[in-house]
């Protein structure tokens, strides 16, 4: 497998482990439902980025890259659930409400647009990432459509995350929110890469300049947020024991 497949496999396994670990608390009614759904979406999307998994799943639907469409819709759902989770995490429920309200129209519209462009693009055989078909402008438009909904959700999160970072009293949550805010800012700019690719097929690499740093920044921010939550939980337990 390619290096990207190995990385996706490791991350998918990590999110799957988080799903299983959080499930008992969710069943008990004390878990974080939106976070669990975000992890579920990430496990699905990352699993489909692993070459053998993609090829097996896609073969079940005739090897016409329907697995790619499922992955694209899954990414939109990750941003939907993740956007709501992050909004609540920074104590901004009004932003979560805005995302919910907007998504009643924007999410199905985004899925429909991707579906129409996928059908029109007519890829003839299974290929992870559809890179073999990028000479087709409809494939580029299909890949561009992927980033429309995530960019909309990200636009709700960048400023609140940066503001929450400046209000943080300790370093870990400060850097956690800064990294996530920076990553979502890159997501907003990601469609520009595919617009450039439409003008010149040799510029397809520009999107990667936005997406990979965005993924790393958001994941790093989320990891720091998890570390901060664990440390605070331990501090509370030590305080209770000391009392």
C-alpha atoms as a PDB file:
ATOM      1  CA  UNK A   1       0.000   0.000   0.000  1.00  0.00           C
ATOM      2  CA  UNK A   2       0.999   3.609  -0.464  1.00  0.00           C
ATOM      3  CA  UNK A   3       2.174   5.635   2.529  1.00  0.00           C
ATOM      4  CA  UNK A   4      -1.087   7.612   2.501  1.00  0.00           C
ATOM      5  CA  UNK A   5      -3.024   4.333   2.803  1.00  0.00           C
ATOM      6  CA  UNK A   6      -0.979   3.251   5.818  1.00  0.00           C
ATOM      7  CA  UNK A   7      -1.533   6.615   7.497  1.00  0.00           C
ATOM      8  CA  UNK A   8      -5.273   6.409   6.777  1.00  0.00           C
ATOM      9  CA  UNK A   9      -5.380   2.858   8.150  1.00  0.00           C
ATOM     10  CA  UNK A  10      -3.667   3.892  11.398  1.00  0.00           C
ATOM     11  CA  UNK A  11      -5.965   6.895  11.861  1.00  0.00           C
ATOM     12  CA  UNK A  12      -9.067   4.851  10.993  1.00  0.00           C
ATOM     13  CA  UNK A  13      -8.069   2.266  13.607  1.00  0.00           C
ATOM     14  CA  UNK A  14      -7.560   5.028  16.178  1.00  0.00           C
ATOM     15  CA  UNK A  15     -11.012   6.479  15.548  1.00  0.00           C
ATOM     16  CA  UNK A  16     -12.567   3.013  15.633  1.00  0.00           C
ATOM     17  CA  UNK A  17     -10.917   2.405  19.005  1.00  0.00           C
ATOM     18  CA  UNK A  18     -12.307   5.724  20.248  1.00  0.00           C
ATOM     19  CA  UNK A  19     -15.772   4.689  19.037  1.00  0.00           C
ATOM     20  CA  UNK A  20     -15.640   1.454  20.984  1.00  0.00           C
ATOM     21  CA  UNK A  21     -14.183   3.122  24.104  1.00  0.00           C
ATOM     22  CA  UNK A  22     -16.886   5.816  24.146  1.00  0.00           C
ATOM     23  CA  UNK A  23     -19.802   3.490  23.393  1.00  0.00           C
ATOM     24  CA  UNK A  24     -20.500   2.346  27.011  1.00  0.00           C
ATOM     25  CA  UNK A  25     -20.836   5.956  28.230  1.00  0.00           C
ATOM     26  CA  UNK A  26     -23.040   6.750  25.240  1.00  0.00           C
ATOM     27  CA  UNK A  27     -25.320   3.796  26.043  1.00  0.00           C
ATOM     28  CA  UNK A  28     -25.514   4.996  29.652  1.00  0.00           C
ATOM     29  CA  UNK A  29     -26.671   8.386  28.394  1.00  0.00           C
ATOM     30  CA  UNK A  30     -23.662  10.318  29.669  1.00  0.00           C
ATOM     31  CA  UNK A  31     -21.485  10.249  26.545  1.00  0.00           C
ATOM     32  CA  UNK A  32     -20.998  12.959  23.950  1.00  0.00           C
ATOM     33  CA  UNK A  33     -23.297  11.995  21.080  1.00  0.00           C
ATOM     34  CA  UNK A  34     -21.971  14.511  18.543  1.00  0.00           C
ATOM     35  CA  UNK A  35     -18.362  13.593  19.267  1.00  0.00           C
ATOM     36  CA  UNK A  36     -19.196   9.904  18.860  1.00  0.00           C
ATOM     37  CA  UNK A  37     -20.864  10.580  15.506  1.00  0.00           C
ATOM     38  CA  UNK A  38     -17.832  12.617  14.413  1.00  0.00           C
ATOM     39  CA  UNK A  39     -15.550   9.706  15.270  1.00  0.00           C
ATOM     40  CA  UNK A  40     -17.876   7.329  13.408  1.00  0.00           C
ATOM     41  CA  UNK A  41     -17.716   9.507  10.303  1.00  0.00           C
ATOM     42  CA  UNK A  42     -13.944   9.821  10.516  1.00  0.00           C
ATOM     43  CA  UNK A  43     -13.547   6.043  10.882  1.00  0.00           C
ATOM     44  CA  UNK A  44     -15.700   5.538   7.768  1.00  0.00           C
ATOM     45  CA  UNK A  45     -13.978   8.170   5.638  1.00  0.00           C
ATOM     46  CA  UNK A  46     -10.467   7.134   6.624  1.00  0.00           C
ATOM     47  CA  UNK A  47     -11.227   3.445   6.071  1.00  0.00           C
ATOM     48  CA  UNK A  48     -12.315   4.254   2.513  1.00  0.00           C
ATOM     49  CA  UNK A  49      -8.980   6.017   1.987  1.00  0.00           C
ATOM     50  CA  UNK A  50      -7.189   2.682   2.454  1.00  0.00           C
ATOM     51  CA  UNK A  51      -6.633   1.142  -0.988  1.00  0.00           C
ATOM     52  CA  UNK A  52      -7.685  -2.494  -0.262  1.00  0.00           C
ATOM     53  CA  UNK A  53     -10.752  -1.376   1.731  1.00  0.00           C
ATOM     54  CA  UNK A  54     -11.791   1.061  -0.990  1.00  0.00           C
ATOM     55  CA  UNK A  55     -11.370  -1.508  -3.741  1.00  0.00           C
ATOM     56  CA  UNK A  56     -13.334  -4.154  -1.809  1.00  0.00           C
ATOM     57  CA  UNK A  57     -16.213  -1.814  -0.909  1.00  0.00           C
ATOM     58  CA  UNK A  58     -16.308  -0.360  -4.411  1.00  0.00           C
ATOM     59  CA  UNK A  59     -16.367  -3.828  -5.961  1.00  0.00           C
ATOM     60  CA  UNK A  60     -19.643  -4.494  -4.125  1.00  0.00           C
ATOM     61  CA  UNK A  61     -21.226  -1.688  -6.167  1.00  0.00           C
ATOM     62  CA  UNK A  62     -19.728  -2.634  -9.522  1.00  0.00           C
ATOM     63  CA  UNK A  63     -16.318  -0.909  -9.273  1.00  0.00           C
ATOM     64  CA  UNK A  64     -17.720   2.418 -10.497  1.00  0.00           C
ATOM     65  CA  UNK A  65     -16.281   4.527  -7.619  1.00  0.00           C
ATOM     66  CA  UNK A  66     -19.516   4.706  -5.636  1.00  0.00           C
ATOM     67  CA  UNK A  67     -17.258   4.231  -2.602  1.00  0.00           C
ATOM     68  CA  UNK A  68     -15.748   7.621  -3.443  1.00  0.00           C
ATOM     69  CA  UNK A  69     -19.201   9.236  -3.407  1.00  0.00           C
ATOM     70  CA  UNK A  70     -19.952   7.597  -0.049  1.00  0.00           C
ATOM     71  CA  UNK A  71     -16.651   8.971   1.272  1.00  0.00           C
ATOM     72  CA  UNK A  72     -17.464  12.479   0.009  1.00  0.00           C
ATOM     73  CA  UNK A  73     -20.888  12.468   1.656  1.00  0.00           C
ATOM     74  CA  UNK A  74     -19.264  11.069   4.807  1.00  0.00           C
ATOM     75  CA  UNK A  75     -16.869  14.029   4.920  1.00  0.00           C
ATOM     76  CA  UNK A  76     -19.831  16.418   4.781  1.00  0.00           C
ATOM     77  CA  UNK A  77     -21.446  14.544   7.688  1.00  0.00           C
ATOM     78  CA  UNK A  78     -18.176  14.739   9.661  1.00  0.00           C
ATOM     79  CA  UNK A  79     -18.173  18.527   9.306  1.00  0.00           C
ATOM     80  CA  UNK A  80     -21.839  18.659  10.288  1.00  0.00           C
ATOM     81  CA  UNK A  81     -21.350  16.639  13.486  1.00  0.00           C
ATOM     82  CA  UNK A  82     -17.891  18.048  14.205  1.00  0.00           C
ATOM     83  CA  UNK A  83     -19.058  21.635  13.740  1.00  0.00           C
ATOM     84  CA  UNK A  84     -21.850  21.149  16.264  1.00  0.00           C
ATOM     85  CA  UNK A  85     -19.512  19.382  18.711  1.00  0.00           C
ATOM     86  CA  UNK A  86     -16.872  22.113  18.517  1.00  0.00           C
ATOM     87  CA  UNK A  87     -19.486  24.847  18.916  1.00  0.00           C
ATOM     88  CA  UNK A  88     -20.681  23.279  22.158  1.00  0.00           C
ATOM     89  CA  UNK A  89     -17.075  22.641  23.193  1.00  0.00           C
ATOM     90  CA  UNK A  90     -16.320  26.389  23.150  1.00  0.00           C
ATOM     91  CA  UNK A  91     -19.662  27.206  24.808  1.00  0.00           C
ATOM     92  CA  UNK A  92     -21.218  28.704  21.691  1.00  0.00           C
ATOM     93  CA  UNK A  93     -24.544  26.814  21.368  1.00  0.00           C
ATOM     94  CA  UNK A  94     -25.908  29.575  19.136  1.00  0.00           C
ATOM     95  CA  UNK A  95     -23.324  28.624  16.497  1.00  0.00           C
ATOM     96  CA  UNK A  96     -24.380  24.981  16.752  1.00  0.00           C
ATOM     97  CA  UNK A  97     -27.970  26.150  16.210  1.00  0.00           C
ATOM     98  CA  UNK A  98     -26.928  28.106  13.101  1.00  0.00           C
ATOM     99  CA  UNK A  99     -25.105  25.084  11.690  1.00  0.00           C
ATOM    100  CA  UNK A 100     -28.139  22.881  12.367  1.00  0.00           C
ATOM    101  CA  UNK A 101     -30.506  25.364  10.746  1.00  0.00           C
ATOM    102  CA  UNK A 102     -28.303  25.922   7.700  1.00  0.00           C
ATOM    103  CA  UNK A 103     -27.614  22.221   7.269  1.00  0.00           C
ATOM    104  CA  UNK A 104     -31.281  21.334   6.820  1.00  0.00           C
ATOM    105  CA  UNK A 105     -30.861  22.804   3.333  1.00  0.00           C
ATOM    106  CA  UNK A 106     -27.112  22.986   2.678  1.00  0.00           C
ATOM    107  CA  UNK A 107     -26.253  19.384   3.628  1.00  0.00           C
ATOM    108  CA  UNK A 108     -28.774  17.586   1.377  1.00  0.00           C
ATOM    109  CA  UNK A 109     -28.129  20.143  -1.379  1.00  0.00           C
ATOM    110  CA  UNK A 110     -24.394  19.446  -1.141  1.00  0.00           C
ATOM    111  CA  UNK A 111     -24.973  15.683  -1.255  1.00  0.00           C
ATOM    112  CA  UNK A 112     -27.303  16.083  -4.248  1.00  0.00           C
ATOM    113  CA  UNK A 113     -24.801  18.264  -6.114  1.00  0.00           C
ATOM    114  CA  UNK A 114     -22.014  15.751  -5.531  1.00  0.00           C
ATOM    115  CA  UNK A 115     -24.308  12.927  -6.638  1.00  0.00           C
ATOM    116  CA  UNK A 116     -25.278  14.658  -9.886  1.00  0.00           C
ATOM    117  CA  UNK A 117     -21.678  15.578 -10.738  1.00  0.00           C
ATOM    118  CA  UNK A 118     -20.526  12.068  -9.866  1.00  0.00           C
ATOM    119  CA  UNK A 119     -23.052  10.494 -12.239  1.00  0.00           C
ATOM    120  CA  UNK A 120     -22.256  12.978 -15.010  1.00  0.00           C
ATOM    121  CA  UNK A 121     -18.503  12.443 -14.639  1.00  0.00           C
ATOM    122  CA  UNK A 122     -18.945   8.785 -15.572  1.00  0.00           C
ATOM    123  CA  UNK A 123     -15.735   7.216 -14.180  1.00  0.00           C
ATOM    124  CA  UNK A 124     -15.417   3.809 -15.849  1.00  0.00           C
ATOM    125  CA  UNK A 125     -13.345   1.824 -13.357  1.00  0.00           C
ATOM    126  CA  UNK A 126     -12.394   1.863  -9.680  1.00  0.00           C
ATOM    127  CA  UNK A 127      -9.661   4.337  -8.752  1.00  0.00           C
ATOM    128  CA  UNK A 128      -9.006   5.700  -5.256  1.00  0.00           C
ATOM    129  CA  UNK A 129      -9.244   9.487  -5.290  1.00  0.00           C
ATOM    130  CA  UNK A 130     -10.307   9.494  -8.971  1.00  0.00           C
ATOM    131  CA  UNK A 131      -6.863  10.816  -9.876  1.00  0.00           C
ATOM    132  CA  UNK A 132      -6.903   8.835 -13.109  1.00  0.00           C
ATOM    133  CA  UNK A 133      -9.884  10.864 -14.303  1.00  0.00           C
ATOM    134  CA  UNK A 134      -8.773  14.390 -13.412  1.00  0.00           C
ATOM    135  CA  UNK A 135      -8.481  15.396 -17.057  1.00  0.00           C
ATOM    136  CA  UNK A 136     -12.292  15.423 -17.028  1.00  0.00           C
ATOM    137  CA  UNK A 137     -13.531  18.866 -15.863  1.00  0.00           C
ATOM    138  CA  UNK A 138     -16.654  17.248 -14.390  1.00  0.00           C
ATOM    139  CA  UNK A 139     -14.449  15.178 -12.074  1.00  0.00           C
ATOM    140  CA  UNK A 140     -12.688  18.355 -10.945  1.00  0.00           C
ATOM    141  CA  UNK A 141     -16.074  20.014 -10.354  1.00  0.00           C
ATOM    142  CA  UNK A 142     -17.169  16.943  -8.397  1.00  0.00           C
ATOM    143  CA  UNK A 143     -14.066  17.175  -6.215  1.00  0.00           C
ATOM    144  CA  UNK A 144     -14.656  20.930  -5.840  1.00  0.00           C
ATOM    145  CA  UNK A 145     -18.235  20.277  -4.714  1.00  0.00           C
ATOM    146  CA  UNK A 146     -16.842  18.210  -1.830  1.00  0.00           C
ATOM    147  CA  UNK A 147     -15.401  21.327  -0.182  1.00  0.00           C
ATOM    148  CA  UNK A 148     -18.410  23.644  -0.467  1.00  0.00           C
ATOM    149  CA  UNK A 149     -20.292  22.439   2.617  1.00  0.00           C
ATOM    150  CA  UNK A 150     -17.135  21.990   4.766  1.00  0.00           C
ATOM    151  CA  UNK A 151     -16.087  25.537   3.811  1.00  0.00           C
ATOM    152  CA  UNK A 152     -19.499  26.871   4.900  1.00  0.00           C
ATOM    153  CA  UNK A 153     -19.312  25.104   8.278  1.00  0.00           C
ATOM    154  CA  UNK A 154     -15.696  26.198   8.744  1.00  0.00           C
ATOM    155  CA  UNK A 155     -16.688  29.826   8.165  1.00  0.00           C
ATOM    156  CA  UNK A 156     -18.855  29.633  11.307  1.00  0.00           C
ATOM    157  CA  UNK A 157     -16.006  28.257  13.428  1.00  0.00           C
ATOM    158  CA  UNK A 158     -12.815  30.179  12.644  1.00  0.00           C
ATOM    159  CA  UNK A 159     -13.527  33.486  14.407  1.00  0.00           C
ATOM    160  CA  UNK A 160     -15.157  31.900  17.514  1.00  0.00           C
ATOM    161  CA  UNK A 161     -12.249  29.470  17.902  1.00  0.00           C
ATOM    162  CA  UNK A 162      -9.683  32.270  17.660  1.00  0.00           C
ATOM    163  CA  UNK A 163     -11.668  34.352  20.150  1.00  0.00           C
ATOM    164  CA  UNK A 164     -11.970  31.389  22.522  1.00  0.00           C
ATOM    165  CA  UNK A 165      -8.214  30.837  22.244  1.00  0.00           C
ATOM    166  CA  UNK A 166      -7.445  34.386  23.391  1.00  0.00           C
ATOM    167  CA  UNK A 167      -9.745  33.844  26.389  1.00  0.00           C
ATOM    168  CA  UNK A 168      -8.006  30.626  27.438  1.00  0.00           C
ATOM    169  CA  UNK A 169      -6.042  30.926  30.658  1.00  0.00           C
ATOM    170  CA  UNK A 170      -3.681  28.009  30.045  1.00  0.00           C
ATOM    171  CA  UNK A 171      -1.443  27.098  27.132  1.00  0.00           C
ATOM    172  CA  UNK A 172      -2.899  23.738  26.098  1.00  0.00           C
ATOM    173  CA  UNK A 173      -6.469  24.929  25.319  1.00  0.00           C
ATOM    174  CA  UNK A 174      -4.988  28.095  23.781  1.00  0.00           C
ATOM    175  CA  UNK A 175      -2.962  26.165  21.219  1.00  0.00           C
ATOM    176  CA  UNK A 176      -5.753  23.614  20.763  1.00  0.00           C
ATOM    177  CA  UNK A 177      -8.237  26.270  19.642  1.00  0.00           C
ATOM    178  CA  UNK A 178      -5.660  28.211  17.642  1.00  0.00           C
ATOM    179  CA  UNK A 179      -4.683  25.109  15.676  1.00  0.00           C
ATOM    180  CA  UNK A 180      -8.286  24.185  14.974  1.00  0.00           C
ATOM    181  CA  UNK A 181      -9.129  27.744  13.949  1.00  0.00           C
ATOM    182  CA  UNK A 182      -6.147  27.813  11.586  1.00  0.00           C
ATOM    183  CA  UNK A 183      -7.110  24.432  10.120  1.00  0.00           C
ATOM    184  CA  UNK A 184     -10.700  25.440   9.459  1.00  0.00           C
ATOM    185  CA  UNK A 185      -9.433  28.647   7.871  1.00  0.00           C
ATOM    186  CA  UNK A 186      -7.500  26.533   5.378  1.00  0.00           C
ATOM    187  CA  UNK A 187     -10.648  24.524   4.633  1.00  0.00           C
ATOM    188  CA  UNK A 188     -12.404  27.739   3.600  1.00  0.00           C
ATOM    189  CA  UNK A 189      -9.623  28.383   1.082  1.00  0.00           C
ATOM    190  CA  UNK A 190      -9.530  24.791  -0.250  1.00  0.00           C
ATOM    191  CA  UNK A 191     -12.054  25.312  -3.109  1.00  0.00           C
ATOM    192  CA  UNK A 192      -9.628  27.817  -4.649  1.00  0.00           C
ATOM    193  CA  UNK A 193      -7.279  24.936  -5.426  1.00  0.00           C
ATOM    194  CA  UNK A 194      -9.816  23.149  -7.602  1.00  0.00           C
ATOM    195  CA  UNK A 195     -10.845  26.412  -9.249  1.00  0.00           C
ATOM    196  CA  UNK A 196      -7.201  26.822 -10.234  1.00  0.00           C
ATOM    197  CA  UNK A 197      -7.172  23.226 -11.476  1.00  0.00           C
ATOM    198  CA  UNK A 198     -10.176  23.942 -13.694  1.00  0.00           C
ATOM    199  CA  UNK A 199      -8.174  26.703 -15.357  1.00  0.00           C
ATOM    200  CA  UNK A 200      -5.015  24.601 -15.608  1.00  0.00           C
ATOM    201  CA  UNK A 201      -4.930  20.836 -15.018  1.00  0.00           C
ATOM    202  CA  UNK A 202      -1.284  21.098 -13.945  1.00  0.00           C
ATOM    203  CA  UNK A 203      -2.354  22.983 -10.812  1.00  0.00           C
ATOM    204  CA  UNK A 204      -4.165  20.094  -9.152  1.00  0.00           C
ATOM    205  CA  UNK A 205      -1.520  19.986  -6.413  1.00  0.00           C
ATOM    206  CA  UNK A 206      -2.604  23.391  -5.041  1.00  0.00           C
ATOM    207  CA  UNK A 207      -5.563  21.890  -3.169  1.00  0.00           C
ATOM    208  CA  UNK A 208      -3.166  19.654  -1.221  1.00  0.00           C
ATOM    209  CA  UNK A 209      -1.413  22.778   0.108  1.00  0.00           C
ATOM    210  CA  UNK A 210      -4.647  23.622   1.911  1.00  0.00           C
ATOM    211  CA  UNK A 211      -6.086  20.215   2.782  1.00  0.00           C
ATOM    212  CA  UNK A 212      -3.158  18.332   4.344  1.00  0.00           C
ATOM    213  CA  UNK A 213      -2.091  21.210   6.643  1.00  0.00           C
ATOM    214  CA  UNK A 214      -5.781  21.686   7.524  1.00  0.00           C
ATOM    215  CA  UNK A 215      -6.148  18.021   8.513  1.00  0.00           C
ATOM    216  CA  UNK A 216      -2.942  18.075  10.564  1.00  0.00           C
ATOM    217  CA  UNK A 217      -3.882  21.338  12.306  1.00  0.00           C
ATOM    218  CA  UNK A 218      -7.399  20.228  13.230  1.00  0.00           C
ATOM    219  CA  UNK A 219      -6.245  16.784  14.383  1.00  0.00           C
ATOM    220  CA  UNK A 220      -3.441  18.341  16.446  1.00  0.00           C
ATOM    221  CA  UNK A 221      -5.908  20.796  17.969  1.00  0.00           C
ATOM    222  CA  UNK A 222      -8.382  18.038  18.790  1.00  0.00           C
ATOM    223  CA  UNK A 223      -5.602  15.929  20.325  1.00  0.00           C
ATOM    224  CA  UNK A 224      -4.516  18.814  22.545  1.00  0.00           C
ATOM    225  CA  UNK A 225      -8.151  19.326  23.513  1.00  0.00           C
ATOM    226  CA  UNK A 226      -8.377  15.672  24.542  1.00  0.00           C
ATOM    227  CA  UNK A 227      -5.163  15.970  26.553  1.00  0.00           C
ATOM    228  CA  UNK A 228      -6.537  19.055  28.304  1.00  0.00           C
ATOM    229  CA  UNK A 229      -9.798  17.265  29.126  1.00  0.00           C
ATOM    230  CA  UNK A 230      -7.916  14.278  30.600  1.00  0.00           C
ATOM    231  CA  UNK A 231      -5.690  16.553  32.700  1.00  0.00           C
ATOM    232  CA  UNK A 232      -8.667  18.522  34.018  1.00  0.00           C
ATOM    233  CA  UNK A 233     -10.509  15.309  34.874  1.00  0.00           C
ATOM    234  CA  UNK A 234      -7.498  14.064  36.836  1.00  0.00           C
ATOM    235  CA  UNK A 235      -7.200  17.390  38.653  1.00  0.00           C
ATOM    236  CA  UNK A 236     -10.857  17.162  39.663  1.00  0.00           C
ATOM    237  CA  UNK A 237     -10.379  13.600  40.908  1.00  0.00           C
ATOM    238  CA  UNK A 238      -7.277  14.589  42.896  1.00  0.00           C
ATOM    239  CA  UNK A 239      -9.193  17.526  44.400  1.00  0.00           C
ATOM    240  CA  UNK A 240     -12.080  15.268  45.414  1.00  0.00           C
ATOM    241  CA  UNK A 241      -9.712  12.726  46.952  1.00  0.00           C
ATOM    242  CA  UNK A 242      -7.842  15.450  48.816  1.00  0.00           C
ATOM    243  CA  UNK A 243     -11.111  16.800  50.194  1.00  0.00           C
END
